[in-house]
Protein backbone atom coordinates (compact mmCIF):
# COMPACT_ATOMS: atom_id res chain seq x y z
CA MET A 1 -21.55 49.50 -134.97
CA LEU A 2 -23.22 47.35 -137.63
CA ASN A 3 -25.47 49.01 -140.15
CA ARG A 4 -28.96 47.58 -140.72
CA LYS A 5 -27.91 45.51 -143.76
CA ASP A 6 -25.00 43.88 -141.94
CA ALA A 7 -27.14 43.15 -138.89
CA THR A 8 -29.91 41.61 -141.01
CA LEU A 9 -27.47 39.43 -142.93
CA ARG A 10 -26.09 38.11 -139.63
CA ASP A 11 -29.55 37.06 -138.34
CA PRO A 12 -29.38 33.46 -139.68
CA ASP A 13 -25.99 32.96 -138.04
CA ASN A 14 -27.36 34.35 -134.75
CA LEU A 15 -30.25 31.89 -135.02
CA GLU A 16 -27.84 29.04 -135.56
CA GLU A 17 -25.77 30.06 -132.54
CA TRP A 18 -28.94 30.21 -130.42
CA ALA A 19 -30.03 26.75 -131.60
CA HIS A 20 -26.58 25.32 -130.88
CA GLY A 21 -26.76 26.76 -127.35
CA LYS A 22 -30.09 24.94 -126.88
CA VAL A 23 -28.56 21.68 -128.23
CA MET A 24 -30.71 21.88 -131.36
CA LYS A 25 -29.68 21.39 -134.96
CA LEU A 26 -31.07 23.32 -137.90
CA ASN A 27 -31.81 21.35 -141.05
CA LYS A 28 -30.11 23.68 -143.49
CA ALA A 29 -31.52 21.74 -146.46
CA LYS A 30 -35.02 22.81 -145.41
CA CYS A 31 -34.18 26.49 -144.89
CA LEU A 32 -35.69 28.85 -147.46
CA ASP A 33 -35.48 32.58 -147.96
CA LEU A 34 -38.86 34.16 -148.79
CA HIS A 35 -38.46 37.84 -149.71
CA MET A 36 -41.64 39.71 -148.76
CA GLY A 37 -42.87 43.27 -149.15
CA GLN A 38 -42.30 46.12 -151.51
CA GLY A 39 -38.85 47.61 -151.48
CA ASN A 40 -37.31 44.39 -150.18
CA HIS A 41 -33.61 44.46 -150.98
CA GLN A 42 -33.52 40.69 -151.54
CA TYR A 43 -30.22 40.13 -149.82
CA GLN A 44 -28.56 36.75 -150.20
CA TYR A 45 -28.53 35.13 -146.76
CA THR A 46 -26.10 32.47 -145.63
CA LEU A 47 -26.12 29.88 -142.88
CA SER A 48 -22.74 28.42 -141.92
CA ASP A 49 -21.21 30.03 -145.00
CA LYS A 50 -23.70 28.31 -147.33
CA ASP A 51 -26.26 30.27 -149.32
CA ILE A 52 -29.89 29.88 -148.25
CA GLU A 53 -32.06 29.03 -151.26
CA SER A 54 -34.55 31.73 -152.24
CA SER A 55 -38.16 30.76 -152.97
CA PRO A 56 -41.15 32.75 -154.32
CA ALA A 57 -43.57 30.81 -152.06
CA ASP A 58 -43.61 28.35 -149.19
CA GLU A 59 -46.11 26.25 -147.29
CA ASP A 60 -46.20 25.79 -143.55
CA PHE A 61 -48.94 24.10 -141.54
CA GLY A 62 -50.97 23.82 -144.75
CA VAL A 63 -50.94 27.57 -145.39
CA VAL A 64 -49.33 28.77 -148.62
CA VAL A 65 -47.54 32.10 -148.39
CA ASN A 66 -45.94 33.87 -151.34
CA GLU A 67 -43.79 36.96 -151.67
CA LYS A 68 -46.84 39.18 -152.35
CA LEU A 69 -49.02 37.64 -149.62
CA ASP A 70 -51.46 36.69 -152.39
CA MET A 71 -54.07 34.21 -151.14
CA SER A 72 -55.29 32.96 -154.55
CA ARG A 73 -53.16 29.81 -154.49
CA GLN A 74 -54.38 29.02 -150.98
CA CYS A 75 -58.03 29.57 -152.06
CA VAL A 76 -57.65 27.24 -155.04
CA ARG A 77 -56.26 24.52 -152.78
CA ALA A 78 -59.08 24.98 -150.28
CA ALA A 79 -61.74 24.78 -152.99
């Protein structure tokens, strides 16, 4: 049986297998790893044996999210 760390590290590969089964392709160049929350172990994730780049913040649908869920950057942009 896999321990929690091993299972979590396999999640990106499981996602890729699911996408392949749905005849979808993941753009690995656009994949980012955003570590969130206190006590996060900040594991290094891989997708098809390539490291996923880690980022302190990301934007999706115009909403900026950072590792601390701090909204100040989003508020500055909105103002």
